[in-house]
Each structure stands twice: as C-alpha cells, then as structure tokens.
C-alpha cells in the first residue's frame, strides 16, 4: 500500500516542479559552495524544494475525510509576510543596529550619493512597464534595484505583485553577486584615471547627541515626505537608536546577532511559499531576473554619473566617481568593491571610509525609495 502511494506521488511530480528542485539546488549550492548570502539563499533553496513536493505538508492541503490541514510554511507566510510584512520589517531593527552612520555624518555631502543611486529603480520601472508588466508588478520589479532584499519583499507583497518569489530570488541573488556585477557596471562609465582619484580622509568626531538625534530626525522627515515609508525607515532608525543611545548595549547586540539571524533564517524559508512551480516557472520569471540585473547595473551607473556631474560644479574636494556607485543598499559589500577597485587603479588609493558613508546613505535611501514606490503605486492599477 505504502509503495503504491509512493509511486502515485512520484508520478504526480510535474516538469515544472523538477525545475524548482533544480532552482532550489542551485540556490543551496551558491550558498554553501560560493558563500553567497548563505543565511538567506540556503533556506530559500531548501524551502523551494519543500513547497514543490506533491501534496507537501508544509503548504495548506485539503483531503477527503480530514478537511483542510495547515502547512507551517504557508502559515508563516500568511502571518509573517502577508498579514503585515512583519518579518521584513522586524529585520530592519537588526540592520539598523549594525549600521554606524558616523562616516556619513562627518561628510553629509555623501547623502546625495545614496539618493542618486536609487535612480535605476525608477528607470527599471519604466522599462518593465514598457515590456507589458502591470504597473504594480513593474514597481515591484524596479525595487530590486534598491539592492535591499527585505524592501523588495515588502514592496512586492504590499502592492500585491504576482511575482513575489521571483522578485525575492532576484533581489537576494544579485545582492550576493555585487562583487561581480558592480565592477562591470562601474567600468562601463569610468576610466582608470577616474578610479585612481584620491580622496583624503580626515576622521571627524561626531557627537553622541547628533548620533541620537539623527535616527529620530530621519524618521520624522521620511514620514512627512513618504508616509508609507514609516514602517521601513522607522524600524531601521529604531535599530540604530538602540545602538547609539548607550543604555541598551545588550539589546543592541541581540538585535545585531540573534534577532537578525533568526528573522533572516525564517524569512528565507518562508518566502519559499511564493515559489510554487505554477507561480514561478513562467517566462515572466526570466524577464524579472533580467530586469533585476538591469536595475542593479543602472543603479550603479547612475550613482557614478551623478558624481561626475557633481564634480563639474565642485572646484575642490571632488568625489571619486566610484563612490557614487556605493550609494546602493548592499552594505558592506559595495564599500569593499569600491575600495578594491580604487587600489587596483592606484595601490595607495584608500576609498573605504568614503564608500562606507555613501553605502549607509544608500541604506536610508533604499527604504525611502521603497516608501515612495508604495506611496505612489499602491492605488494604481
């Protein structure tokens, strides 16, 4: 009897589900063998396999005589993502607690890099819309360019996109590939002379009062500019306030480690609920992967081009154009890419602290961009 049941289940496996097993295996391989975002790609890959097993018990099922049984991954998705986007938002507390905004506060001009580097998001939205995607789907695809996985998940879920799984996979896969994608994008719009441009770094002290006021002020301003960004920016800044207040050091460490790790792990396996074969194995998924790559490349290129234009109007204290590309949200990977490329052009060129400043400004800009997208696309069809 049990062997018959096994045979029936084997025959129930569809070619699309086999494709998803391969996708899951590739994500696990990238996580373990290549070390690409293992905390997310590994559970995401394993989850993709679990949800695509025939009559999988991790998803809700209806059977004769028993009725509906509730699967754990579907329950986690409905409660942790679908109901209020709790998991992506809670993750921002941990991310905020990890970020030191000191280098940015000592050189506020680099705020502009974070803002400029989000330009690829809106260019990709236009491209996706031109290719025939619904506006809400186009907006969700464009946000992949934020280089911020939780923001991508939250925006696509809130807008009710039909491609949440594909968007999540694209966002996290390309975040992991920043060390490969960014050098390519940067070299398209820079010369070796540009990359060798030196920027002296003078460490400037930032007062504790400014560090404490900063997350509060940013939350208020973001809330006034784009009210839909309050959950994103507010929780990011709350995490940073825990870090900087000086009286919650143990909670800050917990947020950076246990909370961030646990939520990341659960988020990875939970988002697999949107990776069922019938939803994922479509021509549109390949288009989304391609558009996600375009969004990443455009973000980096727009950041570089913006700095080049800014330098025309800045007679002194010019910014190395590559620092503009660090305005994406992929922290700290993008900063390290800029430092490495600067040293390849000139072994005495150290851009890390400037790139870090632009990179953390990208953290703020990406969640504000997510809020802006929600604000202006939520009511559009």
Protein backbone atom coordinates (compact mmCIF):
# COMPACT_ATOMS: atom_id res chain seq x y z
CA UNK A 1 0.00 0.00 0.00
CA UNK A 2 2.73 2.44 1.01
CA UNK A 3 4.71 1.59 -2.13
CA UNK A 4 1.66 2.33 -4.27
CA UNK A 5 1.29 5.70 -2.54
CA UNK A 6 4.98 6.43 -3.19
CA UNK A 7 4.55 5.53 -6.88
CA UNK A 8 1.46 7.77 -7.16
CA UNK A 9 3.41 10.68 -5.63
CA UNK A 10 6.35 10.13 -7.97
CA UNK A 11 4.02 10.21 -10.96
CA UNK A 12 2.43 13.41 -9.59
CA UNK A 13 5.71 15.34 -9.91
CA UNK A 14 5.39 17.80 -12.80
CA UNK A 15 8.20 19.02 -15.08
CA UNK A 16 7.75 22.49 -13.53
CA UNK A 17 8.33 21.03 -10.06
CA UNK A 18 11.51 19.36 -11.29
CA UNK A 19 12.66 22.79 -12.50
CA UNK A 20 12.02 24.13 -8.98
CA UNK A 21 14.09 21.30 -7.45
CA UNK A 22 16.94 22.40 -9.71
CA UNK A 23 16.41 26.06 -8.73
CA UNK A 24 16.45 25.07 -5.05
CA UNK A 25 19.61 23.01 -5.52
CA UNK A 26 21.36 25.89 -7.33
CA UNK A 27 20.47 28.32 -4.51
CA UNK A 28 21.80 25.86 -1.90
CA UNK A 29 24.98 25.35 -3.97
CA UNK A 30 25.54 29.12 -4.27
CA UNK A 31 25.07 29.47 -0.51
CA UNK A 32 27.36 26.63 0.56
CA UNK A 33 30.00 26.41 -2.16
CA UNK A 34 30.25 30.08 -3.12
CA UNK A 35 29.28 31.67 0.21
CA UNK A 36 26.70 33.93 -1.50
CA UNK A 37 24.25 35.21 1.18
CA UNK A 38 24.13 31.73 2.82
CA UNK A 39 21.77 32.78 5.62
CA UNK A 40 19.10 33.53 3.01
CA UNK A 41 19.84 31.56 -0.15
CA UNK A 42 20.24 28.24 1.70
CA UNK A 43 16.84 28.31 3.49
CA UNK A 44 15.23 29.82 0.37
CA UNK A 45 16.59 26.99 -1.79
CA UNK A 46 15.60 24.27 0.68
CA UNK A 47 12.15 25.85 1.06
CA UNK A 48 11.70 25.87 -2.73
CA UNK A 49 12.17 22.09 -2.70
CA UNK A 50 9.81 21.56 0.27
CA UNK A 51 6.88 23.55 -1.13
CA UNK A 52 7.07 21.77 -4.50
CA UNK A 53 6.83 18.21 -3.23
CA UNK A 54 3.48 16.66 -4.26
CA UNK A 55 0.81 17.31 -1.60
CA UNK A 56 3.52 18.92 0.52
CA UNK A 57 2.65 19.09 4.20
CA UNK A 58 4.33 22.49 4.54
CA UNK A 59 1.51 24.03 2.48
CA UNK A 60 -2.24 24.01 3.19
CA UNK A 61 -3.91 20.88 1.82
CA UNK A 62 -7.48 19.63 1.56
CA UNK A 63 -8.14 15.90 1.79
CA UNK A 64 -11.30 13.81 1.86
CA UNK A 65 -12.48 12.89 5.33
CA UNK A 66 -9.90 15.11 7.00
CA UNK A 67 -10.66 18.56 5.60
CA UNK A 68 -8.07 21.30 5.37
CA UNK A 69 -4.73 20.87 7.10
CA UNK A 70 -2.49 23.90 7.62
CA UNK A 71 1.12 23.80 6.47
CA UNK A 72 3.81 25.51 8.53
CA UNK A 73 5.47 27.44 5.67
CA UNK A 74 2.15 28.73 4.37
CA UNK A 75 1.14 29.72 7.93
CA UNK A 76 4.45 31.55 8.41
CA UNK A 77 3.94 33.32 5.07
CA UNK A 78 0.38 34.37 5.90
CA UNK A 79 1.26 35.59 9.40
CA UNK A 80 4.83 36.78 8.96
CA UNK A 81 4.69 38.35 5.49
CA UNK A 82 1.18 38.51 4.05
CA UNK A 83 -0.68 39.90 7.08
CA UNK A 84 1.59 42.82 7.95
CA UNK A 85 5.01 42.18 6.37
CA UNK A 86 6.26 41.56 9.92
CA UNK A 87 9.42 39.60 9.09
CA UNK A 88 10.98 42.05 6.58
CA UNK A 89 10.15 44.98 8.87
CA UNK A 90 11.50 43.34 12.03
CA UNK A 91 14.71 42.54 10.16
CA UNK A 92 15.28 46.28 9.77
CA UNK A 93 15.74 46.60 13.55
CA UNK A 94 18.75 44.30 13.31
CA UNK A 95 20.09 46.04 10.21
CA UNK A 96 19.74 49.46 11.86
CA UNK A 97 21.60 48.23 14.94
CA UNK A 98 24.52 47.13 12.72
CA UNK A 99 24.99 50.47 10.96
CA UNK A 100 27.38 53.18 12.08
CA UNK A 101 26.27 56.45 10.49
CA UNK A 102 29.35 58.27 11.83
CA UNK A 103 31.29 58.39 8.50
CA UNK A 104 28.19 59.76 6.76
CA UNK A 105 27.50 62.37 9.43
CA UNK A 106 31.10 63.59 9.19
CA UNK A 107 30.67 64.12 5.41
CA UNK A 108 26.95 64.86 4.79
CA UNK A 109 27.58 65.61 1.09
CA UNK A 110 27.69 61.86 0.52
CA UNK A 111 23.97 61.68 1.35
CA UNK A 112 23.49 62.71 -2.28
CA UNK A 113 25.17 59.51 -3.48
CA UNK A 114 22.60 57.36 -1.72
CA UNK A 115 19.74 59.34 -3.24
CA UNK A 116 21.20 59.35 -6.76
CA UNK A 117 21.95 55.62 -6.79
CA UNK A 118 18.25 54.84 -6.49
CA UNK A 119 17.67 56.26 -9.97
CA UNK A 120 17.96 52.80 -11.51
CA UNK A 121 14.80 51.77 -9.64
CA UNK A 122 12.62 54.26 -11.47
CA UNK A 123 14.31 53.68 -14.83
CA UNK A 124 13.65 49.94 -14.46
CA UNK A 125 10.01 50.57 -13.53
CA UNK A 126 9.60 52.39 -16.85
CA UNK A 127 11.36 49.60 -18.76
CA UNK A 128 9.23 46.90 -17.07
CA UNK A 129 6.03 48.84 -17.80
CA UNK A 130 7.11 49.26 -21.43
CA UNK A 131 7.60 45.47 -21.65
CA UNK A 132 3.98 44.96 -20.68
CA UNK A 133 4.08 44.38 -16.93
CA UNK A 134 1.22 45.77 -14.85
CA UNK A 135 2.25 48.99 -13.05
CA UNK A 136 2.24 47.33 -9.62
CA UNK A 137 4.35 44.46 -10.92
CA UNK A 138 6.66 46.93 -12.71
CA UNK A 139 7.09 48.92 -9.48
CA UNK A 140 7.83 45.71 -7.55
CA UNK A 141 10.40 44.63 -10.15
CA UNK A 142 12.06 48.05 -10.14
CA UNK A 143 12.62 47.96 -6.38
CA UNK A 144 15.03 45.03 -6.92
CA UNK A 145 17.47 47.81 -7.84
CA UNK A 146 17.41 49.01 -4.24
CA UNK A 147 19.79 46.11 -3.54
CA UNK A 148 17.74 45.53 -0.41
CA UNK A 149 16.04 42.15 -0.10
CA UNK A 150 13.61 42.92 2.75
CA UNK A 151 12.44 46.09 0.98
CA UNK A 152 11.90 44.13 -2.25
CA UNK A 153 9.79 41.54 -0.43
CA UNK A 154 7.79 44.14 1.46
CA UNK A 155 7.03 46.31 -1.59
CA UNK A 156 6.08 43.37 -3.84
CA UNK A 157 3.85 41.89 -1.12
CA UNK A 158 2.17 45.19 -0.23
CA UNK A 159 1.49 46.01 -3.88
CA UNK A 160 0.07 42.52 -4.44
CA UNK A 161 2.56 41.60 -7.16
CA UNK A 162 2.09 38.25 -8.92
CA UNK A 163 5.84 37.62 -8.88
CA UNK A 164 6.90 37.85 -5.20
CA UNK A 165 9.00 34.68 -5.33
CA UNK A 166 10.87 35.64 -8.48
CA UNK A 167 11.49 39.16 -7.14
CA UNK A 168 12.86 37.80 -3.84
CA UNK A 169 15.17 35.35 -5.61
CA UNK A 170 16.40 38.07 -7.99
CA UNK A 171 16.96 40.60 -5.18
CA UNK A 172 18.96 38.28 -2.95
CA UNK A 173 20.84 36.56 -5.78
CA UNK A 174 22.06 39.86 -7.22
CA UNK A 175 22.87 41.22 -3.74
CA UNK A 176 25.15 38.21 -3.36
CA UNK A 177 26.68 38.92 -6.79
CA UNK A 178 27.51 42.60 -6.08
CA UNK A 179 31.29 41.87 -6.17
CA UNK A 180 30.83 40.61 -9.75
CA UNK A 181 28.11 42.97 -11.06
CA UNK A 182 29.36 46.30 -9.70
CA UNK A 183 32.90 46.27 -11.15
CA UNK A 184 31.39 45.56 -14.58
CA UNK A 185 28.85 48.39 -14.25
CA UNK A 186 31.38 50.87 -12.87
CA UNK A 187 33.95 50.20 -15.61
CA UNK A 188 31.30 50.95 -18.25
CA UNK A 189 31.20 54.60 -17.14
CA UNK A 190 34.67 55.29 -15.66
CA UNK A 191 38.25 55.46 -16.83
CA UNK A 192 41.28 54.23 -14.91
CA UNK A 193 42.04 57.88 -14.12
CA UNK A 194 38.58 58.27 -12.58
CA UNK A 195 39.04 55.16 -10.46
CA UNK A 196 42.50 56.31 -9.30
CA UNK A 197 41.21 59.66 -8.00
CA UNK A 198 42.30 60.02 -4.39
CA UNK A 199 40.08 61.35 -1.60
CA UNK A 200 41.88 62.30 1.62
CA UNK A 201 40.05 61.11 4.70
CA UNK A 202 40.02 63.23 7.84
CA UNK A 203 38.34 61.49 10.72
CA UNK A 204 35.94 63.92 12.35
CA UNK A 205 34.30 63.26 15.66
CA UNK A 206 30.52 63.03 15.67
CA UNK A 207 28.88 63.93 18.97
CA UNK A 208 26.72 61.42 20.81
CA UNK A 209 23.85 63.91 20.76
CA UNK A 210 23.97 64.08 16.94
CA UNK A 211 24.12 60.30 16.69
CA UNK A 212 20.99 60.03 18.87
CA UNK A 213 19.10 62.82 17.13
CA UNK A 214 19.89 61.55 13.63
CA UNK A 215 17.61 58.45 13.58
CA UNK A 216 14.76 60.44 15.14
CA UNK A 217 15.03 63.32 12.65
CA UNK A 218 15.38 60.97 9.65
CA UNK A 219 12.24 59.06 10.71
CA UNK A 220 10.22 62.27 11.03
CA UNK A 221 11.40 63.71 7.70
CA UNK A 222 10.85 60.40 5.85
CA UNK A 223 7.41 60.12 7.41
CA UNK A 224 6.44 63.57 6.18
CA UNK A 225 7.87 63.04 2.68
CA UNK A 226 6.57 59.49 2.18
CA UNK A 227 4.24 58.30 4.96
CA UNK A 228 4.26 54.77 3.53
CA UNK A 229 7.96 54.55 4.37
CA UNK A 230 7.42 54.97 8.13
CA UNK A 231 7.43 51.25 8.88
CA UNK A 232 10.60 50.70 6.82
CA UNK A 233 12.56 53.78 7.85
CA UNK A 234 11.17 53.85 11.38
CA UNK A 235 12.26 50.33 12.28
CA UNK A 236 15.67 50.82 10.60
CA UNK A 237 16.20 54.00 12.61
CA UNK A 238 14.82 52.42 15.79
CA UNK A 239 17.50 49.75 15.50
CA UNK A 240 20.11 52.47 15.07
CA UNK A 241 18.77 54.37 18.07
CA UNK A 242 19.15 51.21 20.18
CA UNK A 243 22.78 51.12 19.04
CA UNK A 244 23.57 54.77 19.68
CA UNK A 245 21.62 55.54 22.87
CA UNK A 246 24.31 53.94 25.05
CA UNK A 247 21.94 52.39 27.59
CA UNK A 248 20.79 49.33 25.63
CA UNK A 249 24.08 47.73 24.61
CA UNK A 250 22.93 44.17 25.35
CA UNK A 251 19.72 44.71 23.33
CA UNK A 252 21.78 46.24 20.52
CA UNK A 253 23.96 43.12 20.40
CA UNK A 254 20.86 40.91 20.47
CA UNK A 255 19.30 42.85 17.59
CA UNK A 256 22.51 42.63 15.53
CA UNK A 257 23.01 38.92 16.11
CA UNK A 258 20.21 36.73 17.45
CA UNK A 259 17.26 38.77 16.14
CA UNK A 260 18.77 39.45 12.69
CA UNK A 261 19.96 35.85 12.26
CA UNK A 262 16.68 34.28 13.37
CA UNK A 263 14.48 36.56 11.24
CA UNK A 264 16.79 36.12 8.23
CA UNK A 265 16.59 32.34 8.54
CA UNK A 266 12.79 32.32 8.88
CA UNK A 267 12.35 34.89 6.12
CA UNK A 268 14.37 32.76 3.71
CA UNK A 269 12.35 29.58 4.19
CA UNK A 270 9.03 31.45 4.48
CA UNK A 271 9.36 33.34 1.18
CA UNK A 272 9.55 29.92 -0.48
CA UNK A 273 5.74 29.80 -0.11
CA UNK A 274 5.65 32.13 -3.14
CA UNK A 275 7.96 29.83 -5.13
CA UNK A 276 5.45 27.14 -6.08
CA UNK A 277 6.14 25.77 -9.53
CA UNK A 278 2.91 27.02 -11.13
CA UNK A 279 3.69 30.58 -9.97
CA UNK A 280 7.45 30.56 -10.55
CA UNK A 281 8.17 28.56 -13.72
CA UNK A 282 6.98 31.14 -16.22
CA UNK A 283 8.54 33.18 -18.98
CA UNK A 284 7.99 36.29 -16.84
CA UNK A 285 10.37 34.92 -14.19
CA UNK A 286 13.26 35.01 -16.66
CA UNK A 287 12.27 38.54 -17.64
CA UNK A 288 12.25 39.57 -13.97
CA UNK A 289 15.71 38.09 -13.42
CA UNK A 290 16.93 40.06 -16.44
CA UNK A 291 15.24 43.28 -15.33
CA UNK A 292 16.65 42.84 -11.82
CA UNK A 293 20.14 42.68 -13.27
CA UNK A 294 19.39 45.79 -15.34
CA UNK A 295 18.18 47.59 -12.18
CA UNK A 296 21.40 46.76 -10.30
CA UNK A 297 23.59 47.88 -13.19
CA UNK A 298 21.61 51.10 -13.75
CA UNK A 299 21.72 51.98 -10.03
CA UNK A 300 25.50 51.69 -10.01
CA UNK A 301 25.91 53.62 -13.27
CA UNK A 302 23.51 56.41 -12.27
CA UNK A 303 25.41 56.84 -8.99
CA UNK A 304 28.72 57.18 -10.85
CA UNK A 305 27.33 59.58 -13.47
CA UNK A 306 25.72 61.74 -10.78
CA UNK A 307 29.07 62.18 -9.01
CA UNK A 308 30.77 63.05 -12.30
CA UNK A 309 28.20 65.80 -12.88
CA UNK A 310 28.51 66.97 -9.27
CA UNK A 311 32.28 67.22 -9.66
CA UNK A 312 31.87 69.61 -12.60
CA UNK A 313 30.28 72.11 -10.21
CA UNK A 314 32.64 71.38 -7.31
CA UNK A 315 36.00 73.15 -7.71
CA UNK A 316 37.65 71.35 -4.78
CA UNK A 317 37.10 68.30 -2.58
CA UNK A 318 35.91 66.30 -5.56
CA UNK A 319 34.43 62.85 -5.01
CA UNK A 320 35.85 59.76 -6.69
CA UNK A 321 33.05 58.80 -9.16
CA UNK A 322 33.09 55.19 -7.95
CA UNK A 323 31.86 56.32 -4.53
CA UNK A 324 28.56 57.19 -6.21
CA UNK A 325 28.05 53.51 -7.02
CA UNK A 326 28.38 52.69 -3.30
CA UNK A 327 25.08 54.53 -2.83
CA UNK A 328 23.22 51.25 -3.37
CA UNK A 329 21.99 49.49 -0.25
CA UNK A 330 24.21 46.38 -0.41
CA UNK A 331 26.19 47.08 2.78
CA UNK A 332 29.08 46.49 3.30
CA UNK A 333 29.78 44.57 0.08
CA UNK A 334 29.58 47.60 -2.18
CA UNK A 335 32.01 49.57 0.03
CA UNK A 336 34.55 46.77 -0.24
CA UNK A 337 34.15 46.63 -4.03
CA UNK A 338 34.92 50.36 -4.30
CA UNK A 339 37.96 50.08 -2.01
CA UNK A 340 39.31 47.14 -4.04
CA UNK A 341 38.78 48.87 -7.39
CA UNK A 342 40.42 52.06 -6.09
CA UNK A 343 43.51 50.10 -5.03
CA UNK A 344 43.64 48.28 -8.36
CA UNK A 345 43.89 51.67 -10.08
CA UNK A 346 46.33 53.10 -7.51
CA UNK A 347 47.77 50.95 -4.74
CA UNK A 348 47.86 53.99 -2.39
CA UNK A 349 44.23 54.94 -3.02
CA UNK A 350 42.02 54.30 0.03
CA UNK A 351 38.34 54.99 -0.51
CA UNK A 352 36.78 52.66 2.08
CA UNK A 353 35.51 55.23 4.59
CA UNK A 354 34.05 57.45 1.86
CA UNK A 355 32.41 54.41 0.26
CA UNK A 356 31.03 53.30 3.65
CA UNK A 357 29.46 56.74 4.10
CA UNK A 358 27.77 56.54 0.69
CA UNK A 359 26.80 52.93 1.37
CA UNK A 360 24.98 53.67 4.64
CA UNK A 361 23.25 56.62 2.99
CA UNK A 362 22.06 54.04 0.45
CA UNK A 363 20.50 52.06 3.32
CA UNK A 364 18.33 55.05 4.15
CA UNK A 365 17.67 55.98 0.54
CA UNK A 366 16.61 52.46 -0.43
CA UNK A 367 13.93 52.22 2.27
CA UNK A 368 12.73 55.76 1.48
CA UNK A 369 12.57 54.77 -2.21
CA UNK A 370 10.55 51.72 -1.19
CA UNK A 371 8.18 54.01 0.72
CA UNK A 372 7.89 56.37 -2.24
CA UNK A 373 7.07 53.47 -4.57
CA UNK A 374 4.40 52.26 -2.13
CA UNK A 375 3.05 55.80 -1.74
CA UNK A 376 2.55 56.42 -5.45
CA UNK A 377 1.87 52.94 -6.86
CA UNK A 378 -0.38 51.40 -4.16
CA UNK A 379 -3.52 52.96 -5.65
CA UNK A 380 -2.60 52.50 -9.31
CA UNK A 381 -3.73 49.64 -11.48
